[in-house]
PDB file of N, CA and C in Angstrom:
ATOM      1  N   UNK A   1      28.545 262.354 125.217  1.00  0.00           N
ATOM      2  CA  UNK A   1      27.140 262.391 125.572  1.00  0.00           C
ATOM      3  C   UNK A   1      26.834 263.724 126.251  1.00  0.00           C
ATOM      4  N   UNK A   2      25.779 264.352 125.830  1.00  0.00           N
ATOM      5  CA  UNK A   2      25.364 265.640 126.384  1.00  0.00           C
ATOM      6  C   UNK A   2      24.044 265.455 127.130  1.00  0.00           C
ATOM      7  N   UNK A   3      23.896 266.172 128.222  1.00  0.00           N
ATOM      8  CA  UNK A   3      22.613 266.219 128.931  1.00  0.00           C
ATOM      9  C   UNK A   3      22.490 267.578 129.599  1.00  0.00           C
ATOM     10  N   UNK A   4      21.292 267.935 129.976  1.00  0.00           N
ATOM     11  CA  UNK A   4      21.061 269.240 130.606  1.00  0.00           C
ATOM     12  C   UNK A   4      20.943 269.079 132.108  1.00  0.00           C
ATOM     13  N   UNK A   5      21.262 270.159 132.834  1.00  0.00           N
ATOM     14  CA  UNK A   5      21.172 270.098 134.277  1.00  0.00           C
ATOM     15  C   UNK A   5      21.234 271.472 134.907  1.00  0.00           C
ATOM     16  N   UNK A   6      21.218 271.464 136.222  1.00  0.00           N
ATOM     17  CA  UNK A   6      21.302 272.692 137.010  1.00  0.00           C
ATOM     18  C   UNK A   6      22.591 272.618 137.828  1.00  0.00           C
ATOM     19  N   UNK A   7      23.380 273.667 137.757  1.00  0.00           N
ATOM     20  CA  UNK A   7      24.677 273.730 138.412  1.00  0.00           C
ATOM     21  C   UNK A   7      24.663 274.846 139.443  1.00  0.00           C
ATOM     22  N   UNK A   8      25.209 274.575 140.627  1.00  0.00           N
ATOM     23  CA  UNK A   8      25.370 275.615 141.646  1.00  0.00           C
ATOM     24  C   UNK A   8      26.809 276.119 141.587  1.00  0.00           C
ATOM     25  N   UNK A   9      26.974 277.407 141.384  1.00  0.00           N
ATOM     26  CA  UNK A   9      28.291 278.034 141.429  1.00  0.00           C
ATOM     27  C   UNK A   9      28.471 278.605 142.824  1.00  0.00           C
ATOM     28  N   UNK A  10      29.583 278.301 143.475  1.00  0.00           N
ATOM     29  CA  UNK A  10      29.772 278.661 144.877  1.00  0.00           C
ATOM     30  C   UNK A  10      30.964 279.602 145.013  1.00  0.00           C
ATOM     31  N   UNK A  11      30.695 280.756 145.600  1.00  0.00           N
ATOM     32  CA  UNK A  11      31.764 281.715 145.900  1.00  0.00           C
ATOM     33  C   UNK A  11      31.776 281.944 147.401  1.00  0.00           C
ATOM     34  N   UNK A  12      32.817 282.603 147.872  1.00  0.00           N
ATOM     35  CA  UNK A  12      32.960 282.851 149.306  1.00  0.00           C
ATOM     36  C   UNK A  12      33.092 284.336 149.578  1.00  0.00           C
ATOM     37  N   UNK A  13      32.478 284.762 150.678  1.00  0.00           N
ATOM     38  CA  UNK A  13      32.605 286.132 151.159  1.00  0.00           C
ATOM     39  C   UNK A  13      33.293 286.069 152.516  1.00  0.00           C
ATOM     40  N   UNK A  14      34.360 286.852 152.713  1.00  0.00           N
ATOM     41  CA  UNK A  14      35.041 286.818 154.013  1.00  0.00           C
ATOM     42  C   UNK A  14      34.079 287.169 155.148  1.00  0.00           C
ATOM     43  N   UNK A  15      34.349 286.616 156.319  1.00  0.00           N
ATOM     44  CA  UNK A  15      33.528 286.901 157.488  1.00  0.00           C
ATOM     45  C   UNK A  15      33.588 288.374 157.862  1.00  0.00           C
ATOM     46  N   UNK A  16      32.564 288.847 158.546  1.00  0.00           N
ATOM     47  CA  UNK A  16      32.470 290.262 158.912  1.00  0.00           C
ATOM     48  C   UNK A  16      33.550 290.684 159.896  1.00  0.00           C
ATOM     49  N   UNK A  17      34.030 289.754 160.700  1.00  0.00           N
ATOM     50  CA  UNK A  17      35.012 290.092 161.724  1.00  0.00           C
ATOM     51  C   UNK A  17      36.378 289.468 161.430  1.00  0.00           C
ATOM     52  N   UNK A  18      36.728 289.388 160.165  1.00  0.00           N
ATOM     53  CA  UNK A  18      38.044 288.894 159.782  1.00  0.00           C
ATOM     54  C   UNK A  18      38.259 287.451 160.159  1.00  0.00           C
ATOM     55  N   UNK A  19      39.346 287.199 160.859  1.00  0.00           N
ATOM     56  CA  UNK A  19      39.720 285.819 161.166  1.00  0.00           C
ATOM     57  C   UNK A  19      38.805 285.162 162.191  1.00  0.00           C
ATOM     58  N   UNK A  20      37.970 285.958 162.860  1.00  0.00           N
ATOM     59  CA  UNK A  20      37.103 285.401 163.897  1.00  0.00           C
ATOM     60  C   UNK A  20      35.801 284.844 163.335  1.00  0.00           C
ATOM     61  N   UNK A  21      35.449 285.218 162.115  1.00  0.00           N
ATOM     62  CA  UNK A  21      34.253 284.703 161.453  1.00  0.00           C
ATOM     63  C   UNK A  21      34.668 283.866 160.253  1.00  0.00           C
ATOM     64  N   UNK A  22      34.109 282.675 160.110  1.00  0.00           N
ATOM     65  CA  UNK A  22      34.436 281.895 158.917  1.00  0.00           C
ATOM     66  C   UNK A  22      33.810 282.541 157.678  1.00  0.00           C
ATOM     67  N   UNK A  23      34.372 282.276 156.508  1.00  0.00           N
ATOM     68  CA  UNK A  23      33.789 282.823 155.282  1.00  0.00           C
ATOM     69  C   UNK A  23      32.376 282.291 155.066  1.00  0.00           C
ATOM     70  N   UNK A  24      31.561 283.067 154.396  1.00  0.00           N
ATOM     71  CA  UNK A  24      30.199 282.691 154.075  1.00  0.00           C
ATOM     72  C   UNK A  24      30.144 282.220 152.629  1.00  0.00           C
ATOM     73  N   UNK A  25      29.496 281.096 152.389  1.00  0.00           N
ATOM     74  CA  UNK A  25      29.339 280.604 151.025  1.00  0.00           C
ATOM     75  C   UNK A  25      28.122 281.247 150.381  1.00  0.00           C
ATOM     76  N   UNK A  26      28.294 281.673 149.144  1.00  0.00           N
ATOM     77  CA  UNK A  26      27.204 282.229 148.344  1.00  0.00           C
ATOM     78  C   UNK A  26      26.991 281.314 147.151  1.00  0.00           C
ATOM     79  N   UNK A  27      25.748 280.880 146.949  1.00  0.00           N
ATOM     80  CA  UNK A  27      25.435 279.969 145.853  1.00  0.00           C
ATOM     81  C   UNK A  27      24.556 280.661 144.824  1.00  0.00           C
ATOM     82  N   UNK A  28      24.862 280.393 143.564  1.00  0.00           N
ATOM     83  CA  UNK A  28      24.022 280.843 142.458  1.00  0.00           C
ATOM     84  C   UNK A  28      23.704 279.627 141.603  1.00  0.00           C
ATOM     85  N   UNK A  29      22.503 279.540 141.133  1.00  0.00           N
ATOM     86  CA  UNK A  29      22.093 278.415 140.309  1.00  0.00           C
ATOM     87  C   UNK A  29      22.025 278.852 138.849  1.00  0.00           C
ATOM     88  N   UNK A  30      22.632 278.046 137.969  1.00  0.00           N
ATOM     89  CA  UNK A  30      22.611 278.324 136.532  1.00  0.00           C
ATOM     90  C   UNK A  30      22.255 277.038 135.791  1.00  0.00           C
ATOM     91  N   UNK A  31      21.686 277.203 134.618  1.00  0.00           N
ATOM     92  CA  UNK A  31      21.396 276.057 133.769  1.00  0.00           C
ATOM     93  C   UNK A  31      22.622 275.764 132.919  1.00  0.00           C
ATOM     94  N   UNK A  32      22.843 274.494 132.638  1.00  0.00           N
ATOM     95  CA  UNK A  32      24.020 274.122 131.868  1.00  0.00           C
ATOM     96  C   UNK A  32      23.759 272.856 131.069  1.00  0.00           C
ATOM     97  N   UNK A  33      24.697 272.580 130.186  1.00  0.00           N
ATOM     98  CA  UNK A  33      24.735 271.324 129.454  1.00  0.00           C
ATOM     99  C   UNK A  33      25.974 270.604 129.962  1.00  0.00           C
ATOM    100  N   UNK A  34      25.845 269.317 130.249  1.00  0.00           N
ATOM    101  CA  UNK A  34      26.926 268.539 130.835  1.00  0.00           C
ATOM    102  C   UNK A  34      27.427 267.541 129.799  1.00  0.00           C
ATOM    103  N   UNK A  35      28.741 267.419 129.726  1.00  0.00           N
ATOM    104  CA  UNK A  35      29.319 266.391 128.866  1.00  0.00           C
ATOM    105  C   UNK A  35      30.506 265.767 129.585  1.00  0.00           C
ATOM    106  N   UNK A  36      30.890 264.616 129.122  1.00  0.00           N
ATOM    107  CA  UNK A  36      32.064 263.958 129.698  1.00  0.00           C
ATOM    108  C   UNK A  36      33.319 264.564 129.084  1.00  0.00           C
ATOM    109  N   UNK A  37      34.440 264.312 129.719  1.00  0.00           N
ATOM    110  CA  UNK A  37      35.724 264.812 129.249  1.00  0.00           C
ATOM    111  C   UNK A  37      36.245 263.855 128.175  1.00  0.00           C
ATOM    112  N   UNK A  38      36.740 264.411 127.092  1.00  0.00           N
ATOM    113  CA  UNK A  38      37.307 263.577 126.031  1.00  0.00           C
ATOM    114  C   UNK A  38      38.603 262.918 126.476  1.00  0.00           C
ATOM    115  N   UNK A  39      38.957 261.821 125.836  1.00  0.00           N
ATOM    116  CA  UNK A  39      40.146 261.074 126.251  1.00  0.00           C
ATOM    117  C   UNK A  39      41.424 261.884 126.060  1.00  0.00           C
ATOM    118  N   UNK A  40      41.529 262.636 124.978  1.00  0.00           N
ATOM    119  CA  UNK A  40      42.734 263.438 124.757  1.00  0.00           C
ATOM    120  C   UNK A  40      42.880 264.505 125.837  1.00  0.00           C
ATOM    121  N   UNK A  41      41.776 265.194 126.145  1.00  0.00           N
ATOM    122  CA  UNK A  41      41.802 266.215 127.197  1.00  0.00           C
ATOM    123  C   UNK A  41      42.121 265.581 128.554  1.00  0.00           C
ATOM    124  N   UNK A  42      41.565 264.413 128.808  1.00  0.00           N
ATOM    125  CA  UNK A  42      41.791 263.728 130.077  1.00  0.00           C
ATOM    126  C   UNK A  42      43.270 263.386 130.266  1.00  0.00           C
ATOM    127  N   UNK A  43      43.882 262.775 129.259  1.00  0.00           N
ATOM    128  CA  UNK A  43      45.275 262.352 129.402  1.00  0.00           C
ATOM    129  C   UNK A  43      46.244 263.527 129.428  1.00  0.00           C
ATOM    130  N   UNK A  44      45.942 264.584 128.703  1.00  0.00           N
ATOM    131  CA  UNK A  44      46.791 265.783 128.786  1.00  0.00           C
ATOM    132  C   UNK A  44      46.714 266.412 130.171  1.00  0.00           C
ATOM    133  N   UNK A  45      45.530 266.429 130.760  1.00  0.00           N
ATOM    134  CA  UNK A  45      45.375 266.968 132.116  1.00  0.00           C
ATOM    135  C   UNK A  45      46.110 266.095 133.129  1.00  0.00           C
ATOM    136  N   UNK A  46      46.068 264.784 132.943  1.00  0.00           N
ATOM    137  CA  UNK A  46      46.747 263.868 133.852  1.00  0.00           C
ATOM    138  C   UNK A  46      48.256 264.133 133.878  1.00  0.00           C
ATOM    139  N   UNK A  47      48.823 264.577 132.756  1.00  0.00           N
ATOM    140  CA  UNK A  47      50.244 264.915 132.706  1.00  0.00           C
ATOM    141  C   UNK A  47      50.576 266.052 133.673  1.00  0.00           C
ATOM    142  N   UNK A  48      49.587 266.897 133.962  1.00  0.00           N
ATOM    143  CA  UNK A  48      49.764 268.028 134.871  1.00  0.00           C
ATOM    144  C   UNK A  48      49.141 267.774 136.237  1.00  0.00           C
ATOM    145  N   UNK A  49      48.929 266.495 136.559  1.00  0.00           N
ATOM    146  CA  UNK A  49      48.377 266.088 137.851  1.00  0.00           C
ATOM    147  C   UNK A  49      46.974 266.645 138.100  1.00  0.00           C
ATOM    148  N   UNK A  50      46.190 266.778 137.042  1.00  0.00           N
ATOM    149  CA  UNK A  50      44.783 267.174 137.141  1.00  0.00           C
ATOM    150  C   UNK A  50      43.935 265.973 136.725  1.00  0.00           C
ATOM    151  N   UNK A  51      42.723 265.897 137.282  1.00  0.00           N
ATOM    152  CA  UNK A  51      41.866 264.749 137.029  1.00  0.00           C
ATOM    153  C   UNK A  51      40.468 265.209 136.601  1.00  0.00           C
ATOM    154  N   UNK A  52      40.309 265.705 135.378  1.00  0.00           N
ATOM    155  CA  UNK A  52      39.002 266.203 134.950  1.00  0.00           C
ATOM    156  C   UNK A  52      37.977 265.077 134.850  1.00  0.00           C
ATOM    157  N   UNK A  53      36.746 265.399 135.258  1.00  0.00           N
ATOM    158  CA  UNK A  53      35.692 264.380 135.203  1.00  0.00           C
ATOM    159  C   UNK A  53      34.488 264.822 134.376  1.00  0.00           C
ATOM    160  N   UNK A  54      34.179 266.123 134.369  1.00  0.00           N
ATOM    161  CA  UNK A  54      33.017 266.631 133.635  1.00  0.00           C
ATOM    162  C   UNK A  54      33.331 267.988 133.025  1.00  0.00           C
ATOM    163  N   UNK A  55      32.521 268.349 132.028  1.00  0.00           N
ATOM    164  CA  UNK A  55      32.576 269.691 131.445  1.00  0.00           C
ATOM    165  C   UNK A  55      31.166 270.258 131.503  1.00  0.00           C
ATOM    166  N   UNK A  56      31.027 271.427 132.126  1.00  0.00           N
ATOM    167  CA  UNK A  56      29.742 272.119 132.187  1.00  0.00           C
ATOM    168  C   UNK A  56      29.796 273.285 131.205  1.00  0.00           C
ATOM    169  N   UNK A  57      28.817 273.370 130.327  1.00  0.00           N
ATOM    170  CA  UNK A  57      28.765 274.446 129.336  1.00  0.00           C
ATOM    171  C   UNK A  57      27.615 275.383 129.696  1.00  0.00           C
ATOM    172  N   UNK A  58      27.964 276.633 130.005  1.00  0.00           N
ATOM    173  CA  UNK A  58      26.968 277.654 130.302  1.00  0.00           C
ATOM    174  C   UNK A  58      26.706 278.443 129.023  1.00  0.00           C
ATOM    175  N   UNK A  59      25.444 278.779 128.767  1.00  0.00           N
ATOM    176  CA  UNK A  59      25.076 279.446 127.520  1.00  0.00           C
ATOM    177  C   UNK A  59      25.690 280.834 127.387  1.00  0.00           C
ATOM    178  N   UNK A  60      25.926 281.499 128.511  1.00  0.00           N
ATOM    179  CA  UNK A  60      26.454 282.863 128.473  1.00  0.00           C
ATOM    180  C   UNK A  60      27.638 282.979 129.421  1.00  0.00           C
ATOM    181  N   UNK A  61      28.773 283.411 128.924  1.00  0.00           N
ATOM    182  CA  UNK A  61      29.968 283.523 129.767  1.00  0.00           C
ATOM    183  C   UNK A  61      29.780 284.510 130.906  1.00  0.00           C
ATOM    184  N   UNK A  62      28.827 285.432 130.781  1.00  0.00           N
ATOM    185  CA  UNK A  62      28.569 286.413 131.844  1.00  0.00           C
ATOM    186  C   UNK A  62      27.968 285.752 133.088  1.00  0.00           C
ATOM    187  N   UNK A  63      27.450 284.527 132.951  1.00  0.00           N
ATOM    188  CA  UNK A  63      26.895 283.824 134.110  1.00  0.00           C
ATOM    189  C   UNK A  63      27.985 283.328 135.052  1.00  0.00           C
ATOM    190  N   UNK A  64      29.201 283.199 134.541  1.00  0.00           N
ATOM    191  CA  UNK A  64      30.317 282.715 135.357  1.00  0.00           C
ATOM    192  C   UNK A  64      31.124 283.906 135.864  1.00  0.00           C
ATOM    193  N   UNK A  65      31.319 283.960 137.175  1.00  0.00           N
ATOM    194  CA  UNK A  65      32.001 285.103 137.784  1.00  0.00           C
ATOM    195  C   UNK A  65      33.262 284.674 138.535  1.00  0.00           C
ATOM    196  N   UNK A  66      33.957 283.672 138.034  1.00  0.00           N
ATOM    197  CA  UNK A  66      35.224 283.256 138.607  1.00  0.00           C
ATOM    198  C   UNK A  66      35.140 282.313 139.793  1.00  0.00           C
ATOM    199  N   UNK A  67      33.993 281.704 140.018  1.00  0.00           N
ATOM    200  CA  UNK A  67      33.861 280.761 141.129  1.00  0.00           C
ATOM    201  C   UNK A  67      34.817 279.584 140.929  1.00  0.00           C
ATOM    202  N   UNK A  68      35.412 279.118 142.024  1.00  0.00           N
ATOM    203  CA  UNK A  68      36.354 278.002 141.958  1.00  0.00           C
ATOM    204  C   UNK A  68      35.716 276.670 142.334  1.00  0.00           C
ATOM    205  N   UNK A  69      34.574 276.720 143.000  1.00  0.00           N
ATOM    206  CA  UNK A  69      33.871 275.509 143.438  1.00  0.00           C
ATOM    207  C   UNK A  69      32.460 275.528 142.847  1.00  0.00           C
ATOM    208  N   UNK A  70      31.992 274.354 142.439  1.00  0.00           N
ATOM    209  CA  UNK A  70      30.615 274.227 141.978  1.00  0.00           C
ATOM    210  C   UNK A  70      30.049 272.914 142.509  1.00  0.00           C
ATOM    211  N   UNK A  71      28.738 272.797 142.447  1.00  0.00           N
ATOM    212  CA  UNK A  71      28.071 271.596 142.954  1.00  0.00           C
ATOM    213  C   UNK A  71      27.056 271.127 141.930  1.00  0.00           C
ATOM    214  N   UNK A  72      27.086 269.830 141.658  1.00  0.00           N
ATOM    215  CA  UNK A  72      26.153 269.220 140.727  1.00  0.00           C
ATOM    216  C   UNK A  72      25.734 267.872 141.290  1.00  0.00           C
ATOM    217  N   UNK A  73      24.425 267.674 141.419  1.00  0.00           N
ATOM    218  CA  UNK A  73      23.860 266.436 141.971  1.00  0.00           C
ATOM    219  C   UNK A  73      24.517 266.061 143.303  1.00  0.00           C
ATOM    220  N   UNK A  74      24.602 267.038 144.203  1.00  0.00           N
ATOM    221  CA  UNK A  74      25.125 266.875 145.562  1.00  0.00           C
ATOM    222  C   UNK A  74      26.605 266.480 145.620  1.00  0.00           C
ATOM    223  N   UNK A  75      27.339 266.662 144.545  1.00  0.00           N
ATOM    224  CA  UNK A  75      28.782 266.427 144.521  1.00  0.00           C
ATOM    225  C   UNK A  75      29.478 267.754 144.262  1.00  0.00           C
ATOM    226  N   UNK A  76      30.557 268.001 145.000  1.00  0.00           N
ATOM    227  CA  UNK A  76      31.316 269.237 144.814  1.00  0.00           C
ATOM    228  C   UNK A  76      32.479 269.003 143.863  1.00  0.00           C
ATOM    229  N   UNK A  77      32.706 270.006 143.023  1.00  0.00           N
ATOM    230  CA  UNK A  77      33.771 269.954 142.034  1.00  0.00           C
ATOM    231  C   UNK A  77      34.584 271.235 142.097  1.00  0.00           C
ATOM    232  N   UNK A  78      35.837 271.129 141.668  1.00  0.00           N
ATOM    233  CA  UNK A  78      36.732 272.277 141.595  1.00  0.00           C
ATOM    234  C   UNK A  78      36.952 272.595 140.126  1.00  0.00           C
ATOM    235  N   UNK A  79      36.796 273.873 139.768  1.00  0.00           N
ATOM    236  CA  UNK A  79      37.001 274.305 138.386  1.00  0.00           C
ATOM    237  C   UNK A  79      38.502 274.338 138.116  1.00  0.00           C
ATOM    238  N   UNK A  80      38.936 273.592 137.105  1.00  0.00           N
ATOM    239  CA  UNK A  80      40.363 273.564 136.784  1.00  0.00           C
ATOM    240  C   UNK A  80      40.673 274.244 135.452  1.00  0.00           C
ATOM    241  N   UNK A  81      39.638 274.517 134.651  1.00  0.00           N
ATOM    242  CA  UNK A  81      39.871 275.158 133.362  1.00  0.00           C
ATOM    243  C   UNK A  81      38.585 275.794 132.878  1.00  0.00           C
ATOM    244  N   UNK A  82      38.713 276.958 132.251  1.00  0.00           N
ATOM    245  CA  UNK A  82      37.569 277.593 131.600  1.00  0.00           C
ATOM    246  C   UNK A  82      37.940 277.831 130.145  1.00  0.00           C
ATOM    247  N   UNK A  83      36.928 277.789 129.286  1.00  0.00           N
ATOM    248  CA  UNK A  83      37.148 278.009 127.863  1.00  0.00           C
ATOM    249  C   UNK A  83      35.941 278.739 127.298  1.00  0.00           C
ATOM    250  N   UNK A  84      36.162 279.929 126.751  1.00  0.00           N
ATOM    251  CA  UNK A  84      35.086 280.689 126.113  1.00  0.00           C
ATOM    252  C   UNK A  84      34.969 280.245 124.668  1.00  0.00           C
ATOM    253  N   UNK A  85      33.749 279.947 124.274  1.00  0.00           N
ATOM    254  CA  UNK A  85      33.463 279.523 122.902  1.00  0.00           C
ATOM    255  C   UNK A  85      32.349 280.422 122.379  1.00  0.00           C
ATOM    256  N   UNK A  86      32.735 281.567 121.854  1.00  0.00           N
ATOM    257  CA  UNK A  86      31.736 282.553 121.436  1.00  0.00           C
ATOM    258  C   UNK A  86      31.076 283.144 122.669  1.00  0.00           C
ATOM    259  N   UNK A  87      29.771 283.051 122.739  1.00  0.00           N
ATOM    260  CA  UNK A  87      29.027 283.578 123.890  1.00  0.00           C
ATOM    261  C   UNK A  87      29.031 282.601 125.065  1.00  0.00           C
ATOM    262  N   UNK A  88      29.243 281.319 124.799  1.00  0.00           N
ATOM    263  CA  UNK A  88      29.200 280.280 125.835  1.00  0.00           C
ATOM    264  C   UNK A  88      30.559 280.149 126.527  1.00  0.00           C
ATOM    265  N   UNK A  89      30.527 279.515 127.703  1.00  0.00           N
ATOM    266  CA  UNK A  89      31.759 279.203 128.424  1.00  0.00           C
ATOM    267  C   UNK A  89      31.677 277.762 128.918  1.00  0.00           C
ATOM    268  N   UNK A  90      32.806 277.061 128.838  1.00  0.00           N
ATOM    269  CA  UNK A  90      32.888 275.698 129.337  1.00  0.00           C
ATOM    270  C   UNK A  90      33.744 275.675 130.589  1.00  0.00           C
ATOM    271  N   UNK A  91      33.262 274.973 131.613  1.00  0.00           N
ATOM    272  CA  UNK A  91      34.000 274.798 132.857  1.00  0.00           C
ATOM    273  C   UNK A  91      34.395 273.333 132.967  1.00  0.00           C
ATOM    274  N   UNK A  92      35.683 273.060 132.925  1.00  0.00           N
ATOM    275  CA  UNK A  92      36.172 271.705 133.132  1.00  0.00           C
ATOM    276  C   UNK A  92      36.455 271.557 134.612  1.00  0.00           C
ATOM    277  N   UNK A  93      35.941 270.480 135.213  1.00  0.00           N
ATOM    278  CA  UNK A  93      36.024 270.334 136.664  1.00  0.00           C
ATOM    279  C   UNK A  93      36.596 268.981 137.054  1.00  0.00           C
ATOM    280  N   UNK A  94      37.145 268.930 138.273  1.00  0.00           N
ATOM    281  CA  UNK A  94      37.558 267.679 138.888  1.00  0.00           C
ATOM    282  C   UNK A  94      36.872 267.568 140.233  1.00  0.00           C
ATOM    283  N   UNK A  95      36.799 266.353 140.764  1.00  0.00           N
ATOM    284  CA  UNK A  95      36.170 266.165 142.072  1.00  0.00           C
ATOM    285  C   UNK A  95      36.964 266.932 143.114  1.00  0.00           C
ATOM    286  N   UNK A  96      36.255 267.651 143.961  1.00  0.00           N
ATOM    287  CA  UNK A  96      36.902 268.447 145.000  1.00  0.00           C
ATOM    288  C   UNK A  96      37.216 267.570 146.200  1.00  0.00           C
ATOM    289  N   UNK A  97      38.402 267.753 146.754  1.00  0.00           N
ATOM    290  CA  UNK A  97      38.748 267.056 147.990  1.00  0.00           C
ATOM    291  C   UNK A  97      38.016 267.737 149.138  1.00  0.00           C
ATOM    292  N   UNK A  98      38.068 267.155 150.302  1.00  0.00           N
ATOM    293  CA  UNK A  98      37.387 267.729 151.464  1.00  0.00           C
ATOM    294  C   UNK A  98      37.899 269.147 151.729  1.00  0.00           C
ATOM    295  N   UNK A  99      39.215 269.355 151.628  1.00  0.00           N
ATOM    296  CA  UNK A  99      39.789 270.677 151.871  1.00  0.00           C
ATOM    297  C   UNK A  99      39.333 271.693 150.831  1.00  0.00           C
ATOM    298  N   UNK A 100      39.217 271.268 149.571  1.00  0.00           N
ATOM    299  CA  UNK A 100      38.819 272.180 148.512  1.00  0.00           C
ATOM    300  C   UNK A 100      37.332 272.484 148.550  1.00  0.00           C
ATOM    301  N   UNK A 101      36.530 271.541 149.020  1.00  0.00           N
ATOM    302  CA  UNK A 101      35.089 271.723 149.029  1.00  0.00           C
ATOM    303  C   UNK A 101      34.617 272.607 150.167  1.00  0.00           C
ATOM    304  N   UNK A 102      35.420 272.707 151.235  1.00  0.00           N
ATOM    305  CA  UNK A 102      35.056 273.537 152.382  1.00  0.00           C
ATOM    306  C   UNK A 102      35.514 274.967 152.129  1.00  0.00           C
ATOM    307  N   UNK A 103      34.873 275.933 152.775  1.00  0.00           N
ATOM    308  CA  UNK A 103      35.326 277.316 152.632  1.00  0.00           C
ATOM    309  C   UNK A 103      36.761 277.453 153.107  1.00  0.00           C
ATOM    310  N   UNK A 104      37.521 278.292 152.429  1.00  0.00           N
ATOM    311  CA  UNK A 104      38.904 278.531 152.828  1.00  0.00           C
ATOM    312  C   UNK A 104      38.938 279.292 154.133  1.00  0.00           C
ATOM    313  N   UNK A 105      39.695 278.783 155.121  1.00  0.00           N
ATOM    314  CA  UNK A 105      39.817 279.549 156.357  1.00  0.00           C
ATOM    315  C   UNK A 105      40.695 280.770 156.111  1.00  0.00           C
ATOM    316  N   UNK A 106      40.433 281.801 156.859  1.00  0.00           N
ATOM    317  CA  UNK A 106      41.260 282.998 156.755  1.00  0.00           C
ATOM    318  C   UNK A 106      42.649 282.665 157.275  1.00  0.00           C
ATOM    319  N   UNK A 107      43.697 283.157 156.627  1.00  0.00           N
ATOM    320  CA  UNK A 107      45.037 282.883 157.139  1.00  0.00           C
ATOM    321  C   UNK A 107      45.248 283.557 158.485  1.00  0.00           C
ATOM    322  N   UNK A 108      45.970 282.872 159.347  1.00  0.00           N
ATOM    323  CA  UNK A 108      46.235 283.441 160.660  1.00  0.00           C
ATOM    324  C   UNK A 108      47.270 284.537 160.519  1.00  0.00           C
ATOM    325  N   UNK A 109      47.132 285.603 161.290  1.00  0.00           N
ATOM    326  CA  UNK A 109      48.101 286.692 161.185  1.00  0.00           C
ATOM    327  C   UNK A 109      49.467 286.215 161.666  1.00  0.00           C
ATOM    328  N   UNK A 110      50.479 286.684 160.982  1.00  0.00           N
ATOM    329  CA  UNK A 110      51.830 286.337 161.379  1.00  0.00           C
ATOM    330  C   UNK A 110      52.480 287.563 161.972  1.00  0.00           C
ATOM    331  N   UNK A 111      53.326 287.347 162.944  1.00  0.00           N
ATOM    332  CA  UNK A 111      54.010 288.484 163.554  1.00  0.00           C
ATOM    333  C   UNK A 111      55.335 288.684 162.841  1.00  0.00           C
ATOM    334  N   UNK A 112      55.703 289.928 162.671  1.00  0.00           N
ATOM    335  CA  UNK A 112      56.976 290.256 162.051  1.00  0.00           C
ATOM    336  C   UNK A 112      57.847 290.914 163.098  1.00  0.00           C
ATOM    337  N   UNK A 113      59.123 290.696 163.023  1.00  0.00           N
ATOM    338  CA  UNK A 113      59.986 291.312 164.025  1.00  0.00           C
ATOM    339  C   UNK A 113      59.957 292.829 163.898  1.00  0.00           C
ATOM    340  N   UNK A 114      60.060 293.478 165.035  1.00  0.00           N
ATOM    341  CA  UNK A 114      60.056 294.938 165.053  1.00  0.00           C
ATOM    342  C   UNK A 114      61.434 295.408 164.608  1.00  0.00           C
ATOM    343  N   UNK A 115      61.503 295.949 163.423  1.00  0.00           N
ATOM    344  CA  UNK A 115      62.787 296.354 162.862  1.00  0.00           C
ATOM    345  C   UNK A 115      63.331 297.627 163.495  1.00  0.00           C
ATOM    346  N   UNK A 116      62.465 298.396 164.130  1.00  0.00           N
ATOM    347  CA  UNK A 116      62.899 299.646 164.741  1.00  0.00           C
ATOM    348  C   UNK A 116      63.411 299.451 166.163  1.00  0.00           C
ATOM    349  N   UNK A 117      63.207 298.289 166.725  1.00  0.00           N
ATOM    350  CA  UNK A 117      63.643 298.051 168.105  1.00  0.00           C
ATOM    351  C   UNK A 117      65.165 297.982 168.169  1.00  0.00           C
ATOM    352  N   UNK A 118      65.725 298.598 169.162  1.00  0.00           N
ATOM    353  CA  UNK A 118      67.174 298.586 169.310  1.00  0.00           C
ATOM    354  C   UNK A 118      67.592 297.316 170.037  1.00  0.00           C
ATOM    355  N   UNK A 119      68.685 296.759 169.559  1.00  0.00           N
ATOM    356  CA  UNK A 119      69.185 295.560 170.203  1.00  0.00           C
ATOM    357  C   UNK A 119      69.990 295.944 171.434  1.00  0.00           C
ATOM    358  N   UNK A 120      69.827 295.158 172.475  1.00  0.00           N
ATOM    359  CA  UNK A 120      70.570 295.404 173.702  1.00  0.00           C
ATOM    360  C   UNK A 120      71.938 294.751 173.574  1.00  0.00           C
ATOM    361  N   UNK A 121      72.951 295.477 173.920  1.00  0.00           N
ATOM    362  CA  UNK A 121      74.314 294.919 173.870  1.00  0.00           C
ATOM    363  C   UNK A 121      74.959 295.073 175.238  1.00  0.00           C
ATOM    364  N   UNK A 122      75.852 294.183 175.544  1.00  0.00           N
ATOM    365  CA  UNK A 122      76.607 294.255 176.815  1.00  0.00           C
ATOM    366  C   UNK A 122      77.937 294.930 176.521  1.00  0.00           C
ATOM    367  N   UNK A 123      78.071 296.200 176.917  1.00  0.00           N
ATOM    368  CA  UNK A 123      79.286 296.946 176.705  1.00  0.00           C
ATOM    369  C   UNK A 123      80.032 297.143 178.001  1.00  0.00           C
ATOM    370  N   UNK A 124      80.160 296.137 178.801  1.00  0.00           N
ATOM    371  CA  UNK A 124      80.831 296.268 180.088  1.00  0.00           C
ATOM    372  C   UNK A 124      82.279 295.962 180.005  1.00  0.00           C
TER     373      UNK A 124
END
């Protein structure tokens, strides 16, 4: 079954002050055609621990810029597969978990040992 709709593509921009600012979400709205996932595609994805629920078809592949999260009818989805079909592109999505739907936090800086520091030895 096919139907038309409006899809929000969501990307993230890192905060201005690195780890001290959370990422900012940027939304773009595109028109799409929505269809359900076929049974063969569904079961093959399940073999790889993926759970596809919908396929969004955008008329022009240039409208998609690598966003990993999208929103349709107030539900967030994670893009798990893209497929170009001529000028159009299909985005296969699964329901996003709470962690996937929220902006990714910046990784905390890790300290590395100072390799140039001399080790103290007891030579008494």
